[in-house]
């Protein structure tokens, strides 16, 4: 996973509430065996509308999505997080998230920031013209207009994101401890140690 410390840039001022994972990535995209290219299917039903936000050149490559309440509700598909990443989105700001989506986002290195609706409204306004800055270390979202919004995050998730550690990375970081344990078990109970012939 790529470490996340600060995220800065234009933000999609999306703002819609109750966007489920089928809107983020429709079910017919789930047949793929790779994550690459899922960004093309992200928000497909919305992209069918002329002049939609996601095909607006002003926001192309934006790393931040500002969403409405209950973002990522519906089914538990991890493809939703994969599609957002493939679009280049590394942070989503909303008043609330589905628990499963929030977990999938975290496991894939996407920062989910919960802010009150008043802050969302202000960020939606700023995003029309100016970039937004997210500082994970200091847990703040700021704008060029001196707006500053603090957010809470689970300390474990924060450290994993800052260190770029997914579940595999966390396990690999314990390599010495695991090796020491296996050596101890091998010495105490040699019949458990596999042998090669």
C-alpha atoms as a PDB file:
ATOM      1  CA  UNK A   1       0.000   0.000   0.000  1.00  0.00           C
ATOM      2  CA  UNK A   2       1.216   3.513  -0.709  1.00  0.00           C
ATOM      3  CA  UNK A   3       1.709   5.519   2.517  1.00  0.00           C
ATOM      4  CA  UNK A   4      -0.791   8.330   3.029  1.00  0.00           C
ATOM      5  CA  UNK A   5       0.351  11.486   4.780  1.00  0.00           C
ATOM      6  CA  UNK A   6      -1.062  14.486   2.958  1.00  0.00           C
ATOM      7  CA  UNK A   7      -3.512  14.628   0.082  1.00  0.00           C
ATOM      8  CA  UNK A   8      -3.948  17.856  -1.811  1.00  0.00           C
ATOM      9  CA  UNK A   9      -5.683  18.862  -4.996  1.00  0.00           C
ATOM     10  CA  UNK A  10      -8.982  19.496  -6.626  1.00  0.00           C
ATOM     11  CA  UNK A  11     -11.932  17.624  -5.175  1.00  0.00           C
ATOM     12  CA  UNK A  12     -15.023  16.285  -6.888  1.00  0.00           C
ATOM     13  CA  UNK A  13     -17.885  18.283  -5.275  1.00  0.00           C
ATOM     14  CA  UNK A  14     -20.270  15.320  -5.505  1.00  0.00           C
ATOM     15  CA  UNK A  15     -22.297  15.669  -2.321  1.00  0.00           C
ATOM     16  CA  UNK A  16     -25.087  13.158  -3.018  1.00  0.00           C
ATOM     17  CA  UNK A  17     -26.432  11.099  -0.109  1.00  0.00           C
ATOM     18  CA  UNK A  18     -26.916   7.332   0.121  1.00  0.00           C
ATOM     19  CA  UNK A  19     -24.638   6.467  -2.791  1.00  0.00           C
ATOM     20  CA  UNK A  20     -24.433   2.687  -2.727  1.00  0.00           C
ATOM     21  CA  UNK A  21     -21.637   0.525  -4.039  1.00  0.00           C
ATOM     22  CA  UNK A  22     -23.670  -0.383  -7.137  1.00  0.00           C
ATOM     23  CA  UNK A  23     -23.580   3.293  -8.132  1.00  0.00           C
ATOM     24  CA  UNK A  24     -19.850   3.458  -7.394  1.00  0.00           C
ATOM     25  CA  UNK A  25     -19.191   0.354  -9.544  1.00  0.00           C
ATOM     26  CA  UNK A  26     -22.081  -1.503 -11.243  1.00  0.00           C
ATOM     27  CA  UNK A  27     -22.358  -5.271 -10.790  1.00  0.00           C
ATOM     28  CA  UNK A  28     -21.459  -6.143 -14.391  1.00  0.00           C
ATOM     29  CA  UNK A  29     -17.933  -4.811 -13.732  1.00  0.00           C
ATOM     30  CA  UNK A  30     -17.388  -7.431 -11.015  1.00  0.00           C
ATOM     31  CA  UNK A  31     -16.555 -10.134 -13.563  1.00  0.00           C
ATOM     32  CA  UNK A  32     -13.033  -8.838 -14.046  1.00  0.00           C
ATOM     33  CA  UNK A  33     -10.083 -10.669 -12.519  1.00  0.00           C
ATOM     34  CA  UNK A  34      -7.954  -7.537 -12.233  1.00  0.00           C
ATOM     35  CA  UNK A  35      -8.344  -4.196 -10.506  1.00  0.00           C
ATOM     36  CA  UNK A  36      -6.896  -2.302 -13.454  1.00  0.00           C
ATOM     37  CA  UNK A  37      -9.428  -0.412 -15.503  1.00  0.00           C
ATOM     38  CA  UNK A  38     -12.225  -0.395 -12.926  1.00  0.00           C
ATOM     39  CA  UNK A  39     -12.073   3.400 -12.872  1.00  0.00           C
ATOM     40  CA  UNK A  40     -13.709   3.382 -16.310  1.00  0.00           C
ATOM     41  CA  UNK A  41     -16.785   1.804 -14.735  1.00  0.00           C
ATOM     42  CA  UNK A  42     -16.879   4.019 -11.662  1.00  0.00           C
ATOM     43  CA  UNK A  43     -20.103   6.027 -11.412  1.00  0.00           C
ATOM     44  CA  UNK A  44     -21.153   4.613 -14.802  1.00  0.00           C
ATOM     45  CA  UNK A  45     -24.838   5.484 -14.413  1.00  0.00           C
ATOM     46  CA  UNK A  46     -23.968   9.077 -13.479  1.00  0.00           C
ATOM     47  CA  UNK A  47     -21.478   9.352 -16.336  1.00  0.00           C
ATOM     48  CA  UNK A  48     -24.264   8.601 -18.816  1.00  0.00           C
ATOM     49  CA  UNK A  49     -25.703  12.027 -18.046  1.00  0.00           C
ATOM     50  CA  UNK A  50     -24.424  14.848 -20.275  1.00  0.00           C
ATOM     51  CA  UNK A  51     -22.192  17.341 -18.467  1.00  0.00           C
ATOM     52  CA  UNK A  52     -21.680  15.057 -15.464  1.00  0.00           C
ATOM     53  CA  UNK A  53     -19.133  15.911 -12.792  1.00  0.00           C
ATOM     54  CA  UNK A  54     -16.897  12.877 -13.331  1.00  0.00           C
ATOM     55  CA  UNK A  55     -16.209  13.641 -16.985  1.00  0.00           C
ATOM     56  CA  UNK A  56     -15.670  17.358 -16.386  1.00  0.00           C
ATOM     57  CA  UNK A  57     -12.088  18.225 -17.403  1.00  0.00           C
ATOM     58  CA  UNK A  58     -11.868  20.703 -14.485  1.00  0.00           C
ATOM     59  CA  UNK A  59     -11.841  17.776 -12.058  1.00  0.00           C
ATOM     60  CA  UNK A  60      -9.866  15.201 -14.044  1.00  0.00           C
ATOM     61  CA  UNK A  61      -7.432  13.382 -11.778  1.00  0.00           C
ATOM     62  CA  UNK A  62      -8.850  14.836  -8.565  1.00  0.00           C
ATOM     63  CA  UNK A  63      -7.579  12.823  -5.575  1.00  0.00           C
ATOM     64  CA  UNK A  64     -10.480  13.803  -3.287  1.00  0.00           C
ATOM     65  CA  UNK A  65     -14.202  13.078  -3.480  1.00  0.00           C
ATOM     66  CA  UNK A  66     -16.643  15.053  -1.338  1.00  0.00           C
ATOM     67  CA  UNK A  67     -19.744  12.950  -0.794  1.00  0.00           C
ATOM     68  CA  UNK A  68     -23.015  13.041   1.096  1.00  0.00           C
ATOM     69  CA  UNK A  69     -24.225  11.117   4.102  1.00  0.00           C
ATOM     70  CA  UNK A  70     -24.058   7.284   4.137  1.00  0.00           C
ATOM     71  CA  UNK A  71     -21.546   6.985   1.298  1.00  0.00           C
ATOM     72  CA  UNK A  72     -20.795   3.418   0.206  1.00  0.00           C
ATOM     73  CA  UNK A  73     -23.965   1.834   1.543  1.00  0.00           C
ATOM     74  CA  UNK A  74     -25.470  -1.292  -0.029  1.00  0.00           C
ATOM     75  CA  UNK A  75     -23.489  -4.396  -0.855  1.00  0.00           C
ATOM     76  CA  UNK A  76     -20.049  -5.125   0.514  1.00  0.00           C
ATOM     77  CA  UNK A  77     -18.160  -5.194  -2.790  1.00  0.00           C
ATOM     78  CA  UNK A  78     -14.512  -4.272  -2.418  1.00  0.00           C
ATOM     79  CA  UNK A  79     -14.532  -3.379  -6.113  1.00  0.00           C
ATOM     80  CA  UNK A  80     -15.969   0.007  -5.076  1.00  0.00           C
ATOM     81  CA  UNK A  81     -12.714   0.923  -3.339  1.00  0.00           C
ATOM     82  CA  UNK A  82     -10.700  -0.500  -6.241  1.00  0.00           C
ATOM     83  CA  UNK A  83     -12.675   1.600  -8.744  1.00  0.00           C
ATOM     84  CA  UNK A  84     -12.121   4.791  -6.742  1.00  0.00           C
ATOM     85  CA  UNK A  85      -8.394   4.090  -6.539  1.00  0.00           C
ATOM     86  CA  UNK A  86      -8.241   3.410 -10.263  1.00  0.00           C
ATOM     87  CA  UNK A  87      -9.852   6.834 -10.795  1.00  0.00           C
ATOM     88  CA  UNK A  88      -7.074   8.362  -8.679  1.00  0.00           C
ATOM     89  CA  UNK A  89      -9.224   9.042  -5.607  1.00  0.00           C
ATOM     90  CA  UNK A  90      -7.256   8.519  -2.397  1.00  0.00           C
ATOM     91  CA  UNK A  91      -9.582  10.310   0.053  1.00  0.00           C
ATOM     92  CA  UNK A  92     -13.340  10.598   0.476  1.00  0.00           C
ATOM     93  CA  UNK A  93     -14.875  13.225   2.755  1.00  0.00           C
ATOM     94  CA  UNK A  94     -18.466  12.708   3.915  1.00  0.00           C
ATOM     95  CA  UNK A  95     -20.713  13.104   6.979  1.00  0.00           C
ATOM     96  CA  UNK A  96     -20.856   9.299   7.337  1.00  0.00           C
ATOM     97  CA  UNK A  97     -19.861   6.068   5.614  1.00  0.00           C
ATOM     98  CA  UNK A  98     -21.130   2.521   5.481  1.00  0.00           C
ATOM     99  CA  UNK A  99     -18.980   0.493   7.902  1.00  0.00           C
ATOM    100  CA  UNK A 100     -18.113  -2.118   5.280  1.00  0.00           C
ATOM    101  CA  UNK A 101     -17.160   0.472   2.666  1.00  0.00           C
ATOM    102  CA  UNK A 102     -15.046   2.343   5.223  1.00  0.00           C
ATOM    103  CA  UNK A 103     -13.220  -0.902   6.081  1.00  0.00           C
ATOM    104  CA  UNK A 104     -12.642  -1.771   2.423  1.00  0.00           C
ATOM    105  CA  UNK A 105     -11.403   1.754   1.720  1.00  0.00           C
ATOM    106  CA  UNK A 106      -8.950   1.584   4.617  1.00  0.00           C
ATOM    107  CA  UNK A 107      -7.627  -1.833   3.546  1.00  0.00           C
ATOM    108  CA  UNK A 108      -6.902  -0.392   0.113  1.00  0.00           C
ATOM    109  CA  UNK A 109      -5.247   2.824   1.301  1.00  0.00           C
ATOM    110  CA  UNK A 110      -8.163   5.236   0.865  1.00  0.00           C
ATOM    111  CA  UNK A 111      -8.605   7.746   3.687  1.00  0.00           C
ATOM    112  CA  UNK A 112     -12.226   8.256   4.745  1.00  0.00           C
ATOM    113  CA  UNK A 113     -12.762  11.560   6.548  1.00  0.00           C
ATOM    114  CA  UNK A 114     -15.945  12.149   8.542  1.00  0.00           C
ATOM    115  CA  UNK A 115     -16.946  15.805   8.905  1.00  0.00           C
ATOM    116  CA  UNK A 116     -20.240  17.476   9.869  1.00  0.00           C
ATOM    117  CA  UNK A 117     -22.600  18.619   7.123  1.00  0.00           C
ATOM    118  CA  UNK A 118     -21.680  22.291   7.651  1.00  0.00           C
ATOM    119  CA  UNK A 119     -18.044  21.492   6.828  1.00  0.00           C
ATOM    120  CA  UNK A 120     -19.118  19.413   3.823  1.00  0.00           C
ATOM    121  CA  UNK A 121     -21.193  22.344   2.539  1.00  0.00           C
ATOM    122  CA  UNK A 122     -18.205  24.688   2.839  1.00  0.00           C
ATOM    123  CA  UNK A 123     -15.837  22.225   1.145  1.00  0.00           C
ATOM    124  CA  UNK A 124     -18.346  21.716  -1.679  1.00  0.00           C
ATOM    125  CA  UNK A 125     -18.256  25.472  -2.235  1.00  0.00           C
ATOM    126  CA  UNK A 126     -14.448  25.699  -2.154  1.00  0.00           C
ATOM    127  CA  UNK A 127     -14.060  22.688  -4.467  1.00  0.00           C
ATOM    128  CA  UNK A 128     -15.781  24.586  -7.260  1.00  0.00           C
ATOM    129  CA  UNK A 129     -12.683  26.737  -7.697  1.00  0.00           C
ATOM    130  CA  UNK A 130      -9.836  25.820  -5.354  1.00  0.00           C
ATOM    131  CA  UNK A 131      -7.868  22.831  -4.019  1.00  0.00           C
ATOM    132  CA  UNK A 132      -8.357  21.183  -0.655  1.00  0.00           C
ATOM    133  CA  UNK A 133      -5.584  19.932   1.632  1.00  0.00           C
ATOM    134  CA  UNK A 134      -5.887  16.904   3.941  1.00  0.00           C
ATOM    135  CA  UNK A 135      -3.209  16.354   6.588  1.00  0.00           C
ATOM    136  CA  UNK A 136      -3.546  12.892   8.121  1.00  0.00           C
ATOM    137  CA  UNK A 137      -0.779  13.382  10.693  1.00  0.00           C
ATOM    138  CA  UNK A 138      -2.537  16.456  12.131  1.00  0.00           C
ATOM    139  CA  UNK A 139      -6.022  15.148  11.281  1.00  0.00           C
ATOM    140  CA  UNK A 140      -7.152  18.299   9.539  1.00  0.00           C
ATOM    141  CA  UNK A 141      -8.741  19.443   6.293  1.00  0.00           C
ATOM    142  CA  UNK A 142      -7.858  22.961   5.175  1.00  0.00           C
ATOM    143  CA  UNK A 143      -8.570  25.321   2.291  1.00  0.00           C
ATOM    144  CA  UNK A 144      -6.721  28.339   0.837  1.00  0.00           C
ATOM    145  CA  UNK A 145      -9.322  30.510   2.623  1.00  0.00           C
ATOM    146  CA  UNK A 146      -8.106  29.595   6.125  1.00  0.00           C
ATOM    147  CA  UNK A 147     -10.905  27.077   6.701  1.00  0.00           C
ATOM    148  CA  UNK A 148      -9.717  24.331   9.049  1.00  0.00           C
ATOM    149  CA  UNK A 149     -11.744  21.252   9.958  1.00  0.00           C
ATOM    150  CA  UNK A 150     -10.455  18.641  12.386  1.00  0.00           C
ATOM    151  CA  UNK A 151     -11.437  14.992  12.047  1.00  0.00           C
ATOM    152  CA  UNK A 152     -11.165  11.868  14.169  1.00  0.00           C
ATOM    153  CA  UNK A 153      -9.622   8.593  12.992  1.00  0.00           C
ATOM    154  CA  UNK A 154      -8.931   5.287  14.694  1.00  0.00           C
ATOM    155  CA  UNK A 155      -5.267   5.404  15.839  1.00  0.00           C
ATOM    156  CA  UNK A 156      -4.516   1.943  14.403  1.00  0.00           C
ATOM    157  CA  UNK A 157      -5.924   2.895  10.991  1.00  0.00           C
ATOM    158  CA  UNK A 158      -4.012   6.162  11.090  1.00  0.00           C
ATOM    159  CA  UNK A 159      -0.690   4.412  11.723  1.00  0.00           C
ATOM    160  CA  UNK A 160      -1.366   1.819   9.021  1.00  0.00           C
ATOM    161  CA  UNK A 161      -2.196   4.504   6.455  1.00  0.00           C
ATOM    162  CA  UNK A 162       0.813   6.637   7.406  1.00  0.00           C
ATOM    163  CA  UNK A 163       3.072   3.580   7.146  1.00  0.00           C
ATOM    164  CA  UNK A 164       1.465   2.156   4.022  1.00  0.00           C
ATOM    165  CA  UNK A 165       0.746  -1.092   5.850  1.00  0.00           C
ATOM    166  CA  UNK A 166      -2.016  -3.402   4.706  1.00  0.00           C
ATOM    167  CA  UNK A 167      -2.704  -6.782   6.348  1.00  0.00           C
ATOM    168  CA  UNK A 168       0.183  -8.434   4.503  1.00  0.00           C
ATOM    169  CA  UNK A 169       2.512  -5.572   5.384  1.00  0.00           C
ATOM    170  CA  UNK A 170       1.546  -5.791   9.056  1.00  0.00           C
ATOM    171  CA  UNK A 171       2.343  -9.513   9.030  1.00  0.00           C
ATOM    172  CA  UNK A 172       5.662  -8.980   7.243  1.00  0.00           C
ATOM    173  CA  UNK A 173       6.618  -6.341   9.808  1.00  0.00           C
ATOM    174  CA  UNK A 174       6.417  -9.091  12.455  1.00  0.00           C
ATOM    175  CA  UNK A 175       8.791 -11.383  10.532  1.00  0.00           C
ATOM    176  CA  UNK A 176      11.405 -11.582  13.303  1.00  0.00           C
ATOM    177  CA  UNK A 177       8.785 -12.360  15.961  1.00  0.00           C
ATOM    178  CA  UNK A 178       7.200 -15.045  13.769  1.00  0.00           C
ATOM    179  CA  UNK A 179      10.592 -16.634  13.004  1.00  0.00           C
ATOM    180  CA  UNK A 180      11.545 -16.656  16.689  1.00  0.00           C
ATOM    181  CA  UNK A 181       8.243 -18.313  17.582  1.00  0.00           C
ATOM    182  CA  UNK A 182       8.627 -20.961  14.878  1.00  0.00           C
ATOM    183  CA  UNK A 183      12.195 -21.723  16.053  1.00  0.00           C
ATOM    184  CA  UNK A 184      10.981 -22.063  19.651  1.00  0.00           C
ATOM    185  CA  UNK A 185       8.131 -24.386  18.656  1.00  0.00           C
ATOM    186  CA  UNK A 186      10.523 -26.417  16.482  1.00  0.00           C
ATOM    187  CA  UNK A 187      12.912 -26.890  19.415  1.00  0.00           C
ATOM    188  CA  UNK A 188      10.173 -27.742  21.925  1.00  0.00           C
ATOM    189  CA  UNK A 189       8.007 -29.898  19.623  1.00  0.00           C
ATOM    190  CA  UNK A 190      10.126 -31.116  16.717  1.00  0.00           C
ATOM    191  CA  UNK A 191       7.366 -33.431  15.485  1.00  0.00           C
ATOM    192  CA  UNK A 192       5.437 -30.317  14.368  1.00  0.00           C
ATOM    193  CA  UNK A 193       8.240 -29.153  12.068  1.00  0.00           C
ATOM    194  CA  UNK A 194       7.714 -30.300   8.482  1.00  0.00           C
ATOM    195  CA  UNK A 195      10.588 -32.237   6.999  1.00  0.00           C
ATOM    196  CA  UNK A 196      11.709 -32.330   3.389  1.00  0.00           C
ATOM    197  CA  UNK A 197      12.552 -35.597   1.738  1.00  0.00           C
END
